[in-house]
Structures are given as structure tokens and as C-alpha cells.
mmCIF file of all heavy atoms, coordinates in Angstrom:
data_MODEL
# 
_entry.id   MODEL 
# 
loop_
_atom_site.group_PDB 
_atom_site.id 
_atom_site.type_symbol 
_atom_site.label_atom_id 
_atom_site.label_alt_id 
_atom_site.label_comp_id 
_atom_site.label_asym_id 
_atom_site.label_entity_id 
_atom_site.label_seq_id 
_atom_site.pdbx_PDB_ins_code 
_atom_site.Cartn_x 
_atom_site.Cartn_y 
_atom_site.Cartn_z 
_atom_site.occupancy 
_atom_site.B_iso_or_equiv 
_atom_site.pdbx_formal_charge 
_atom_site.auth_seq_id 
_atom_site.auth_comp_id 
_atom_site.auth_asym_id 
_atom_site.auth_atom_id 
_atom_site.pdbx_PDB_model_num 
ATOM 1   N N   . HIS A 1 1  ? 10.017  6.848  4.733  1.00 0.00 ? 1  HIS A N   1 
ATOM 2   C CA  . HIS A 1 1  ? 10.880  6.471  3.620  1.00 0.00 ? 1  HIS A CA  1 
ATOM 3   C C   . HIS A 1 1  ? 12.311  6.982  3.765  1.00 0.00 ? 1  HIS A C   1 
ATOM 4   O O   . HIS A 1 1  ? 13.240  6.366  3.258  1.00 0.00 ? 1  HIS A O   1 
ATOM 5   C CB  . HIS A 1 1  ? 10.306  7.003  2.305  1.00 0.00 ? 1  HIS A CB  1 
ATOM 6   C CG  . HIS A 1 1  ? 8.996   6.386  1.947  1.00 0.00 ? 1  HIS A CG  1 
ATOM 7   N ND1 . HIS A 1 1  ? 8.838   5.040  1.727  1.00 0.00 ? 1  HIS A ND1 1 
ATOM 8   C CD2 . HIS A 1 1  ? 7.765   6.932  1.794  1.00 0.00 ? 1  HIS A CD2 1 
ATOM 9   C CE1 . HIS A 1 1  ? 7.583   4.787  1.432  1.00 0.00 ? 1  HIS A CE1 1 
ATOM 10  N NE2 . HIS A 1 1  ? 6.907   5.910  1.479  1.00 0.00 ? 1  HIS A NE2 1 
ATOM 11  N N   . PHE A 1 2  ? 12.480  8.139  4.434  1.00 0.00 ? 2  PHE A N   1 
ATOM 12  C CA  . PHE A 1 2  ? 13.833  8.679  4.544  1.00 0.00 ? 2  PHE A CA  1 
ATOM 13  C C   . PHE A 1 2  ? 14.728  7.661  5.226  1.00 0.00 ? 2  PHE A C   1 
ATOM 14  O O   . PHE A 1 2  ? 14.390  7.151  6.303  1.00 0.00 ? 2  PHE A O   1 
ATOM 15  C CB  . PHE A 1 2  ? 13.831  9.992  5.349  1.00 0.00 ? 2  PHE A CB  1 
ATOM 16  C CG  . PHE A 1 2  ? 13.102  11.116 4.668  1.00 0.00 ? 2  PHE A CG  1 
ATOM 17  C CD1 . PHE A 1 2  ? 12.147  11.843 5.348  1.00 0.00 ? 2  PHE A CD1 1 
ATOM 18  C CD2 . PHE A 1 2  ? 13.353  11.425 3.340  1.00 0.00 ? 2  PHE A CD2 1 
ATOM 19  C CE1 . PHE A 1 2  ? 11.462  12.881 4.731  1.00 0.00 ? 2  PHE A CE1 1 
ATOM 20  C CE2 . PHE A 1 2  ? 12.674  12.455 2.711  1.00 0.00 ? 2  PHE A CE2 1 
ATOM 21  C CZ  . PHE A 1 2  ? 11.729  13.186 3.405  1.00 0.00 ? 2  PHE A CZ  1 
ATOM 22  N N   . PRO A 1 3  ? 15.893  7.330  4.637  1.00 0.00 ? 3  PRO A N   1 
ATOM 23  C CA  . PRO A 1 3  ? 16.748  6.274  5.215  1.00 0.00 ? 3  PRO A CA  1 
ATOM 24  C C   . PRO A 1 3  ? 17.110  6.513  6.669  1.00 0.00 ? 3  PRO A C   1 
ATOM 25  O O   . PRO A 1 3  ? 17.120  5.584  7.473  1.00 0.00 ? 3  PRO A O   1 
ATOM 26  C CB  . PRO A 1 3  ? 17.982  6.293  4.303  1.00 0.00 ? 3  PRO A CB  1 
ATOM 27  C CG  . PRO A 1 3  ? 17.479  6.826  2.995  1.00 0.00 ? 3  PRO A CG  1 
ATOM 28  C CD  . PRO A 1 3  ? 16.427  7.822  3.352  1.00 0.00 ? 3  PRO A CD  1 
ATOM 29  N N   . THR A 1 4  ? 17.401  7.772  7.033  1.00 0.00 ? 4  THR A N   1 
ATOM 30  C CA  . THR A 1 4  ? 17.805  8.021  8.426  1.00 0.00 ? 4  THR A CA  1 
ATOM 31  C C   . THR A 1 4  ? 16.667  7.721  9.391  1.00 0.00 ? 4  THR A C   1 
ATOM 32  O O   . THR A 1 4  ? 16.869  7.147  10.458 1.00 0.00 ? 4  THR A O   1 
ATOM 33  C CB  . THR A 1 4  ? 18.258  9.476  8.598  1.00 0.00 ? 4  THR A CB  1 
ATOM 34  O OG1 . THR A 1 4  ? 17.235  10.343 8.068  1.00 0.00 ? 4  THR A OG1 1 
ATOM 35  C CG2 . THR A 1 4  ? 19.561  9.727  7.855  1.00 0.00 ? 4  THR A CG2 1 
ATOM 36  N N   . LEU A 1 5  ? 15.446  8.092  9.008  1.00 0.00 ? 5  LEU A N   1 
ATOM 37  C CA  . LEU A 1 5  ? 14.293  7.815  9.870  1.00 0.00 ? 5  LEU A CA  1 
ATOM 38  C C   . LEU A 1 5  ? 13.969  6.329  9.880  1.00 0.00 ? 5  LEU A C   1 
ATOM 39  O O   . LEU A 1 5  ? 13.647  5.754  10.917 1.00 0.00 ? 5  LEU A O   1 
ATOM 40  C CB  . LEU A 1 5  ? 13.077  8.611  9.389  1.00 0.00 ? 5  LEU A CB  1 
ATOM 41  C CG  . LEU A 1 5  ? 13.209  10.142 9.386  1.00 0.00 ? 5  LEU A CG  1 
ATOM 42  C CD1 . LEU A 1 5  ? 11.932  10.765 8.854  1.00 0.00 ? 5  LEU A CD1 1 
ATOM 43  C CD2 . LEU A 1 5  ? 13.499  10.655 10.794 1.00 0.00 ? 5  LEU A CD2 1 
ATOM 44  N N   . ARG A 1 6  ? 14.074  5.704  8.700  1.00 0.00 ? 6  ARG A N   1 
ATOM 45  C CA  . ARG A 1 6  ? 13.732  4.287  8.596  1.00 0.00 ? 6  ARG A CA  1 
ATOM 46  C C   . ARG A 1 6  ? 14.689  3.435  9.419  1.00 0.00 ? 6  ARG A C   1 
ATOM 47  O O   . ARG A 1 6  ? 14.272  2.531  10.152 1.00 0.00 ? 6  ARG A O   1 
ATOM 48  C CB  . ARG A 1 6  ? 13.766  3.862  7.123  1.00 0.00 ? 6  ARG A CB  1 
ATOM 49  C CG  . ARG A 1 6  ? 13.177  2.483  6.873  1.00 0.00 ? 6  ARG A CG  1 
ATOM 50  C CD  . ARG A 1 6  ? 13.045  2.191  5.399  1.00 0.00 ? 6  ARG A CD  1 
ATOM 51  N NE  . ARG A 1 6  ? 14.338  1.968  4.785  1.00 0.00 ? 6  ARG A NE  1 
ATOM 52  C CZ  . ARG A 1 6  ? 14.825  2.707  3.797  1.00 0.00 ? 6  ARG A CZ  1 
ATOM 53  N NH1 . ARG A 1 6  ? 14.133  3.728  3.332  1.00 0.00 ? 6  ARG A NH1 1 
ATOM 54  N NH2 . ARG A 1 6  ? 16.012  2.448  3.274  1.00 0.00 ? 6  ARG A NH2 1 
ATOM 55  N N   . HIS A 1 7  ? 15.984  3.702  9.300  1.00 0.00 ? 7  HIS A N   1 
ATOM 56  C CA  . HIS A 1 7  ? 16.962  2.863  9.989  1.00 0.00 ? 7  HIS A CA  1 
ATOM 57  C C   . HIS A 1 7  ? 16.997  3.119  11.493 1.00 0.00 ? 7  HIS A C   1 
ATOM 58  O O   . HIS A 1 7  ? 17.502  2.296  12.245 1.00 0.00 ? 7  HIS A O   1 
ATOM 59  C CB  . HIS A 1 7  ? 18.345  3.056  9.371  1.00 0.00 ? 7  HIS A CB  1 
ATOM 60  C CG  . HIS A 1 7  ? 18.432  2.537  7.954  1.00 0.00 ? 7  HIS A CG  1 
ATOM 61  N ND1 . HIS A 1 7  ? 18.025  1.264  7.603  1.00 0.00 ? 7  HIS A ND1 1 
ATOM 62  C CD2 . HIS A 1 7  ? 18.846  3.125  6.815  1.00 0.00 ? 7  HIS A CD2 1 
ATOM 63  C CE1 . HIS A 1 7  ? 18.201  1.093  6.304  1.00 0.00 ? 7  HIS A CE1 1 
ATOM 64  N NE2 . HIS A 1 7  ? 18.687  2.200  5.805  1.00 0.00 ? 7  HIS A NE2 1 
ATOM 65  N N   . HIS A 1 8  ? 16.457  4.256  11.917 1.00 0.00 ? 8  HIS A N   1 
ATOM 66  C CA  . HIS A 1 8  ? 16.356  4.492  13.358 1.00 0.00 ? 8  HIS A CA  1 
ATOM 67  C C   . HIS A 1 8  ? 15.048  3.932  13.930 1.00 0.00 ? 8  HIS A C   1 
ATOM 68  O O   . HIS A 1 8  ? 14.787  4.061  15.118 1.00 0.00 ? 8  HIS A O   1 
ATOM 69  C CB  . HIS A 1 8  ? 16.458  5.990  13.664 1.00 0.00 ? 8  HIS A CB  1 
ATOM 70  C CG  . HIS A 1 8  ? 17.867  6.513  13.648 1.00 0.00 ? 8  HIS A CG  1 
ATOM 71  N ND1 . HIS A 1 8  ? 18.480  6.972  12.498 1.00 0.00 ? 8  HIS A ND1 1 
ATOM 72  C CD2 . HIS A 1 8  ? 18.785  6.609  14.627 1.00 0.00 ? 8  HIS A CD2 1 
ATOM 73  C CE1 . HIS A 1 8  ? 19.714  7.350  12.773 1.00 0.00 ? 8  HIS A CE1 1 
ATOM 74  N NE2 . HIS A 1 8  ? 19.929  7.143  14.062 1.00 0.00 ? 8  HIS A NE2 1 
ATOM 75  N N   . GLY A 1 9  ? 14.250  3.334  13.077 1.00 0.00 ? 9  GLY A N   1 
ATOM 76  C CA  . GLY A 1 9  ? 13.032  2.688  13.564 1.00 0.00 ? 9  GLY A CA  1 
ATOM 77  C C   . GLY A 1 9  ? 11.923  3.639  13.947 1.00 0.00 ? 9  GLY A C   1 
ATOM 78  O O   . GLY A 1 9  ? 11.018  3.273  14.695 1.00 0.00 ? 9  GLY A O   1 
ATOM 79  N N   . LEU A 1 10 ? 11.978  4.885  13.446 1.00 0.00 ? 10 LEU A N   1 
ATOM 80  C CA  . LEU A 1 10 ? 10.932  5.849  13.784 1.00 0.00 ? 10 LEU A CA  1 
ATOM 81  C C   . LEU A 1 10 ? 9.604   5.408  13.165 1.00 0.00 ? 10 LEU A C   1 
ATOM 82  O O   . LEU A 1 10 ? 9.531   5.073  11.989 1.00 0.00 ? 10 LEU A O   1 
ATOM 83  C CB  . LEU A 1 10 ? 11.312  7.240  13.269 1.00 0.00 ? 10 LEU A CB  1 
ATOM 84  C CG  . LEU A 1 10 ? 10.413  8.391  13.713 1.00 0.00 ? 10 LEU A CG  1 
ATOM 85  C CD1 . LEU A 1 10 ? 10.470  8.563  15.225 1.00 0.00 ? 10 LEU A CD1 1 
ATOM 86  C CD2 . LEU A 1 10 ? 10.824  9.684  13.024 1.00 0.00 ? 10 LEU A CD2 1 
ATOM 87  N N   . HIS A 1 11 ? 8.540   5.404  13.965 1.00 0.00 ? 11 HIS A N   1 
ATOM 88  C CA  . HIS A 1 11 ? 7.249   4.958  13.477 1.00 0.00 ? 11 HIS A CA  1 
ATOM 89  C C   . HIS A 1 11 ? 6.153   5.463  14.405 1.00 0.00 ? 11 HIS A C   1 
ATOM 90  O O   . HIS A 1 11 ? 6.434   5.979  15.488 1.00 0.00 ? 11 HIS A O   1 
ATOM 91  C CB  . HIS A 1 11 ? 7.185   3.427  13.394 1.00 0.00 ? 11 HIS A CB  1 
ATOM 92  C CG  . HIS A 1 11 ? 7.304   2.755  14.736 1.00 0.00 ? 11 HIS A CG  1 
ATOM 93  N ND1 . HIS A 1 11 ? 8.489   2.654  15.420 1.00 0.00 ? 11 HIS A ND1 1 
ATOM 94  C CD2 . HIS A 1 11 ? 6.361   2.148  15.517 1.00 0.00 ? 11 HIS A CD2 1 
ATOM 95  C CE1 . HIS A 1 11 ? 8.287   2.020  16.562 1.00 0.00 ? 11 HIS A CE1 1 
ATOM 96  N NE2 . HIS A 1 11 ? 7.006   1.700  16.649 1.00 0.00 ? 11 HIS A NE2 1 
ATOM 97  N N   . SER A 1 12 ? 4.921   5.307  13.965 1.00 0.00 ? 12 SER A N   1 
ATOM 98  C CA  . SER A 1 12 ? 3.766   5.705  14.774 1.00 0.00 ? 12 SER A CA  1 
ATOM 99  C C   . SER A 1 12 ? 2.660   4.672  14.599 1.00 0.00 ? 12 SER A C   1 
ATOM 100 O O   . SER A 1 12 ? 2.588   3.979  13.590 1.00 0.00 ? 12 SER A O   1 
ATOM 101 C CB  . SER A 1 12 ? 3.244   7.087  14.347 1.00 0.00 ? 12 SER A CB  1 
ATOM 102 O OG  . SER A 1 12 ? 4.245   8.075  14.494 1.00 0.00 ? 12 SER A OG  1 
ATOM 103 N N   . TRP A 1 13 ? 1.782   4.612  15.604 1.00 0.00 ? 13 TRP A N   1 
ATOM 104 C CA  . TRP A 1 13 ? 0.619   3.734  15.561 1.00 0.00 ? 13 TRP A CA  1 
ATOM 105 C C   . TRP A 1 13 ? -0.642  4.594  15.538 1.00 0.00 ? 13 TRP A C   1 
ATOM 106 O O   . TRP A 1 13 ? -0.807  5.495  16.345 1.00 0.00 ? 13 TRP A O   1 
ATOM 107 C CB  . TRP A 1 13 ? 0.578   2.821  16.781 1.00 0.00 ? 13 TRP A CB  1 
ATOM 108 C CG  . TRP A 1 13 ? 1.659   1.791  16.799 1.00 0.00 ? 13 TRP A CG  1 
ATOM 109 C CD1 . TRP A 1 13 ? 2.906   1.907  17.342 1.00 0.00 ? 13 TRP A CD1 1 
ATOM 110 C CD2 . TRP A 1 13 ? 1.598   0.479  16.224 1.00 0.00 ? 13 TRP A CD2 1 
ATOM 111 N NE1 . TRP A 1 13 ? 3.617   0.748  17.142 1.00 0.00 ? 13 TRP A NE1 1 
ATOM 112 C CE2 . TRP A 1 13 ? 2.844   -0.147 16.467 1.00 0.00 ? 13 TRP A CE2 1 
ATOM 113 C CE3 . TRP A 1 13 ? 0.611   -0.230 15.538 1.00 0.00 ? 13 TRP A CE3 1 
ATOM 114 C CZ2 . TRP A 1 13 ? 3.121   -1.442 16.044 1.00 0.00 ? 13 TRP A CZ2 1 
ATOM 115 C CZ3 . TRP A 1 13 ? 0.880   -1.512 15.116 1.00 0.00 ? 13 TRP A CZ3 1 
ATOM 116 C CH2 . TRP A 1 13 ? 2.127   -2.114 15.372 1.00 0.00 ? 13 TRP A CH2 1 
ATOM 117 N N   . TYR A 1 14 ? -1.540  4.291  14.611 1.00 0.00 ? 14 TYR A N   1 
ATOM 118 C CA  . TYR A 1 14 ? -2.797  5.009  14.490 1.00 0.00 ? 14 TYR A CA  1 
ATOM 119 C C   . TYR A 1 14 ? -3.963  4.059  14.739 1.00 0.00 ? 14 TYR A C   1 
ATOM 120 O O   . TYR A 1 14 ? -3.921  2.896  14.330 1.00 0.00 ? 14 TYR A O   1 
ATOM 121 C CB  . TYR A 1 14 ? -2.941  5.615  13.089 1.00 0.00 ? 14 TYR A CB  1 
ATOM 122 C CG  . TYR A 1 14 ? -2.171  6.893  12.881 1.00 0.00 ? 14 TYR A CG  1 
ATOM 123 C CD1 . TYR A 1 14 ? -0.804  6.866  12.635 1.00 0.00 ? 14 TYR A CD1 1 
ATOM 124 C CD2 . TYR A 1 14 ? -2.802  8.134  12.951 1.00 0.00 ? 14 TYR A CD2 1 
ATOM 125 C CE1 . TYR A 1 14 ? -0.088  8.026  12.444 1.00 0.00 ? 14 TYR A CE1 1 
ATOM 126 C CE2 . TYR A 1 14 ? -2.094  9.313  12.768 1.00 0.00 ? 14 TYR A CE2 1 
ATOM 127 C CZ  . TYR A 1 14 ? -0.733  9.253  12.509 1.00 0.00 ? 14 TYR A CZ  1 
ATOM 128 O OH  . TYR A 1 14 ? -0.024  10.411 12.337 1.00 0.00 ? 14 TYR A OH  1 
ATOM 129 N N   . ALA A 1 15 ? -4.989  4.561  15.403 1.00 0.00 ? 15 ALA A N   1 
ATOM 130 C CA  . ALA A 1 15 ? -6.272  3.866  15.509 1.00 0.00 ? 15 ALA A CA  1 
ATOM 131 C C   . ALA A 1 15 ? -7.231  4.610  14.591 1.00 0.00 ? 15 ALA A C   1 
ATOM 132 O O   . ALA A 1 15 ? -7.564  5.772  14.834 1.00 0.00 ? 15 ALA A O   1 
ATOM 133 C CB  . ALA A 1 15 ? -6.768  3.865  16.949 1.00 0.00 ? 15 ALA A CB  1 
ATOM 134 N N   . GLU A 1 16 ? -7.653  3.940  13.511 1.00 0.00 ? 16 GLU A N   1 
ATOM 135 C CA  . GLU A 1 16 ? -8.371  4.612  12.432 1.00 0.00 ? 16 GLU A CA  1 
ATOM 136 C C   . GLU A 1 16 ? -9.702  3.916  12.170 1.00 0.00 ? 16 GLU A C   1 
ATOM 137 O O   . GLU A 1 16 ? -9.910  2.751  12.530 1.00 0.00 ? 16 GLU A O   1 
ATOM 138 C CB  . GLU A 1 16 ? -7.490  4.577  11.171 1.00 0.00 ? 16 GLU A CB  1 
ATOM 139 C CG  . GLU A 1 16 ? -8.024  5.335  9.979  1.00 0.00 ? 16 GLU A CG  1 
ATOM 140 C CD  . GLU A 1 16 ? -8.186  6.822  10.279 1.00 0.00 ? 16 GLU A CD  1 
ATOM 141 O OE1 . GLU A 1 16 ? -7.213  7.579  10.095 1.00 0.00 ? 16 GLU A OE1 1 
ATOM 142 O OE2 . GLU A 1 16 ? -9.301  7.212  10.698 1.00 0.00 ? 16 GLU A OE2 1 
ATOM 143 N N   . ASN A 1 17 ? -10.615 4.671  11.560 1.00 0.00 ? 17 ASN A N   1 
ATOM 144 C CA  . ASN A 1 17 ? -11.883 4.101  11.123 1.00 0.00 ? 17 ASN A CA  1 
ATOM 145 C C   . ASN A 1 17 ? -11.610 2.925  10.184 1.00 0.00 ? 17 ASN A C   1 
ATOM 146 O O   . ASN A 1 17 ? -10.892 3.063  9.188  1.00 0.00 ? 17 ASN A O   1 
ATOM 147 C CB  . ASN A 1 17 ? -12.696 5.182  10.391 1.00 0.00 ? 17 ASN A CB  1 
ATOM 148 C CG  . ASN A 1 17 ? -14.093 4.710  10.026 1.00 0.00 ? 17 ASN A CG  1 
ATOM 149 O OD1 . ASN A 1 17 ? -14.293 3.575  9.622  1.00 0.00 ? 17 ASN A OD1 1 
ATOM 150 N ND2 . ASN A 1 17 ? -15.066 5.604  10.152 1.00 0.00 ? 17 ASN A ND2 1 
ATOM 151 N N   . CYS A 1 18 ? -12.192 1.766  10.494 1.00 0.00 ? 18 CYS A N   1 
ATOM 152 C CA  . CYS A 1 18 ? -11.865 0.540  9.750  1.00 0.00 ? 18 CYS A CA  1 
ATOM 153 C C   . CYS A 1 18 ? -12.338 0.566  8.310  1.00 0.00 ? 18 CYS A C   1 
ATOM 154 O O   . CYS A 1 18 ? -11.903 -0.278 7.509  1.00 0.00 ? 18 CYS A O   1 
ATOM 155 C CB  . CYS A 1 18 ? -12.458 -0.677 10.465 1.00 0.00 ? 18 CYS A CB  1 
ATOM 156 S SG  . CYS A 1 18 ? -11.900 -0.888 12.173 1.00 0.00 ? 18 CYS A SG  1 
ATOM 157 N N   . TYR A 1 19 ? -13.215 1.515  7.968  1.00 0.00 ? 19 TYR A N   1 
ATOM 158 C CA  . TYR A 1 19 ? -13.727 1.577  6.600  1.00 0.00 ? 19 TYR A CA  1 
ATOM 159 C C   . TYR A 1 19 ? -12.969 2.570  5.727  1.00 0.00 ? 19 TYR A C   1 
ATOM 160 O O   . TYR A 1 19 ? -13.292 2.727  4.542  1.00 0.00 ? 19 TYR A O   1 
ATOM 161 C CB  . TYR A 1 19 ? -15.227 1.905  6.614  1.00 0.00 ? 19 TYR A CB  1 
ATOM 162 C CG  . TYR A 1 19 ? -16.032 0.751  7.171  1.00 0.00 ? 19 TYR A CG  1 
ATOM 163 C CD1 . TYR A 1 19 ? -16.378 0.719  8.520  1.00 0.00 ? 19 TYR A CD1 1 
ATOM 164 C CD2 . TYR A 1 19 ? -16.401 -0.321 6.362  1.00 0.00 ? 19 TYR A CD2 1 
ATOM 165 C CE1 . TYR A 1 19 ? -17.093 -0.360 9.045  1.00 0.00 ? 19 TYR A CE1 1 
ATOM 166 C CE2 . TYR A 1 19 ? -17.113 -1.403 6.885  1.00 0.00 ? 19 TYR A CE2 1 
ATOM 167 C CZ  . TYR A 1 19 ? -17.447 -1.414 8.221  1.00 0.00 ? 19 TYR A CZ  1 
ATOM 168 O OH  . TYR A 1 19 ? -18.143 -2.482 8.743  1.00 0.00 ? 19 TYR A OH  1 
ATOM 169 N N   . GLU A 1 20 ? -11.960 3.221  6.287  1.00 0.00 ? 20 GLU A N   1 
ATOM 170 C CA  . GLU A 1 20 ? -11.061 4.031  5.472  1.00 0.00 ? 20 GLU A CA  1 
ATOM 171 C C   . GLU A 1 20 ? -10.228 3.121  4.580  1.00 0.00 ? 20 GLU A C   1 
ATOM 172 O O   . GLU A 1 20 ? -9.918  1.984  4.944  1.00 0.00 ? 20 GLU A O   1 
ATOM 173 C CB  . GLU A 1 20 ? -10.137 4.864  6.365  1.00 0.00 ? 20 GLU A CB  1 
ATOM 174 C CG  . GLU A 1 20 ? -10.812 6.019  7.056  1.00 0.00 ? 20 GLU A CG  1 
ATOM 175 C CD  . GLU A 1 20 ? -11.249 7.085  6.065  1.00 0.00 ? 20 GLU A CD  1 
ATOM 176 O OE1 . GLU A 1 20 ? -10.389 7.638  5.352  1.00 0.00 ? 20 GLU A OE1 1 
ATOM 177 O OE2 . GLU A 1 20 ? -12.471 7.354  5.989  1.00 0.00 ? 20 GLU A OE2 1 
ATOM 178 N N   . LYS A 1 21 ? -9.833  3.604  3.417  1.00 0.00 ? 21 LYS A N   1 
ATOM 179 C CA  . LYS A 1 21 ? -9.004  2.810  2.514  1.00 0.00 ? 21 LYS A CA  1 
ATOM 180 C C   . LYS A 1 21 ? -7.524  3.105  2.756  1.00 0.00 ? 21 LYS A C   1 
ATOM 181 O O   . LYS A 1 21 ? -7.142  4.254  2.945  1.00 0.00 ? 21 LYS A O   1 
ATOM 182 C CB  . LYS A 1 21 ? -9.377  3.089  1.061  1.00 0.00 ? 21 LYS A CB  1 
ATOM 183 C CG  . LYS A 1 21 ? -10.740 2.531  0.683  1.00 0.00 ? 21 LYS A CG  1 
ATOM 184 C CD  . LYS A 1 21 ? -10.995 2.629  -0.804 1.00 0.00 ? 21 LYS A CD  1 
ATOM 185 C CE  . LYS A 1 21 ? -12.306 1.947  -1.179 1.00 0.00 ? 21 LYS A CE  1 
ATOM 186 N NZ  . LYS A 1 21 ? -12.559 1.993  -2.645 1.00 0.00 ? 21 LYS A NZ  1 
ATOM 187 N N   . SER A 1 22 ? -6.735  2.039  2.748  1.00 0.00 ? 22 SER A N   1 
ATOM 188 C CA  . SER A 1 22 ? -5.317  2.179  3.041  1.00 0.00 ? 22 SER A CA  1 
ATOM 189 C C   . SER A 1 22 ? -4.552  1.007  2.434  1.00 0.00 ? 22 SER A C   1 
ATOM 190 O O   . SER A 1 22 ? -5.124  -0.046 2.125  1.00 0.00 ? 22 SER A O   1 
ATOM 191 C CB  . SER A 1 22 ? -5.090  2.214  4.572  1.00 0.00 ? 22 SER A CB  1 
ATOM 192 O OG  . SER A 1 22 ? -3.707  2.188  4.871  1.00 0.00 ? 22 SER A OG  1 
ATOM 193 N N   . SER A 1 23 ? -3.247  1.187  2.250  1.00 0.00 ? 23 SER A N   1 
ATOM 194 C CA  . SER A 1 23 ? -2.379  0.053  1.952  1.00 0.00 ? 23 SER A CA  1 
ATOM 195 C C   . SER A 1 23 ? -2.378  -0.870 3.173  1.00 0.00 ? 23 SER A C   1 
ATOM 196 O O   . SER A 1 23 ? -2.806  -0.482 4.261  1.00 0.00 ? 23 SER A O   1 
ATOM 197 C CB  . SER A 1 23 ? -0.965  0.534  1.663  1.00 0.00 ? 23 SER A CB  1 
ATOM 198 O OG  . SER A 1 23 ? -0.950  1.445  0.587  1.00 0.00 ? 23 SER A OG  1 
ATOM 199 N N   . PHE A 1 24 ? -1.871  -2.095 3.008  1.00 0.00 ? 24 PHE A N   1 
ATOM 200 C CA  . PHE A 1 24 ? -1.899  -3.025 4.137  1.00 0.00 ? 24 PHE A CA  1 
ATOM 201 C C   . PHE A 1 24 ? -0.754  -4.018 4.033  1.00 0.00 ? 24 PHE A C   1 
ATOM 202 O O   . PHE A 1 24 ? -0.214  -4.271 2.948  1.00 0.00 ? 24 PHE A O   1 
ATOM 203 C CB  . PHE A 1 24 ? -3.249  -3.755 4.217  1.00 0.00 ? 24 PHE A CB  1 
ATOM 204 C CG  . PHE A 1 24 ? -3.683  -4.417 2.942  1.00 0.00 ? 24 PHE A CG  1 
ATOM 205 C CD1 . PHE A 1 24 ? -3.482  -5.778 2.729  1.00 0.00 ? 24 PHE A CD1 1 
ATOM 206 C CD2 . PHE A 1 24 ? -4.313  -3.687 1.938  1.00 0.00 ? 24 PHE A CD2 1 
ATOM 207 C CE1 . PHE A 1 24 ? -3.889  -6.389 1.558  1.00 0.00 ? 24 PHE A CE1 1 
ATOM 208 C CE2 . PHE A 1 24 ? -4.730  -4.290 0.760  1.00 0.00 ? 24 PHE A CE2 1 
ATOM 209 C CZ  . PHE A 1 24 ? -4.512  -5.647 0.569  1.00 0.00 ? 24 PHE A CZ  1 
ATOM 210 N N   . LEU A 1 25 ? -0.380  -4.570 5.199  1.00 0.00 ? 25 LEU A N   1 
ATOM 211 C CA  . LEU A 1 25 ? 0.759   -5.475 5.310  1.00 0.00 ? 25 LEU A CA  1 
ATOM 212 C C   . LEU A 1 25 ? 0.278   -6.885 5.613  1.00 0.00 ? 25 LEU A C   1 
ATOM 213 O O   . LEU A 1 25 ? -0.336  -7.127 6.645  1.00 0.00 ? 25 LEU A O   1 
ATOM 214 C CB  . LEU A 1 25 ? 1.704   -4.993 6.430  1.00 0.00 ? 25 LEU A CB  1 
ATOM 215 C CG  . LEU A 1 25 ? 2.912   -5.876 6.738  1.00 0.00 ? 25 LEU A CG  1 
ATOM 216 C CD1 . LEU A 1 25 ? 3.885   -5.915 5.566  1.00 0.00 ? 25 LEU A CD1 1 
ATOM 217 C CD2 . LEU A 1 25 ? 3.628   -5.373 8.005  1.00 0.00 ? 25 LEU A CD2 1 
ATOM 218 N N   . CYS A 1 26 ? 0.561   -7.812 4.698  1.00 0.00 ? 26 CYS A N   1 
ATOM 219 C CA  . CYS A 1 26 ? 0.223   -9.220 4.907  1.00 0.00 ? 26 CYS A CA  1 
ATOM 220 C C   . CYS A 1 26 ? 1.444   -9.993 5.406  1.00 0.00 ? 26 CYS A C   1 
ATOM 221 O O   . CYS A 1 26 ? 2.579   -9.651 5.081  1.00 0.00 ? 26 CYS A O   1 
ATOM 222 C CB  . CYS A 1 26 ? -0.264  -9.870 3.610  1.00 0.00 ? 26 CYS A CB  1 
ATOM 223 S SG  . CYS A 1 26 ? -1.846  -9.262 3.011  1.00 0.00 ? 26 CYS A SG  1 
# 
């Protein structure tokens, strides 16, 4: 959420248990 991190494109990829609950992107 921090603007400096967001605008620099900082991100990570996780491989998670598919039955965990999470927000999602359609």
C-alpha cells in the first residue's frame, strides 16, 4: 500500500494452500 513501494512495483509471489481464504483479483 505504501505509495513508494507501490509505484516502484515491489511485489512477491506466493504458492499457498488452495483452501486458505484470501482476497482475489478478477
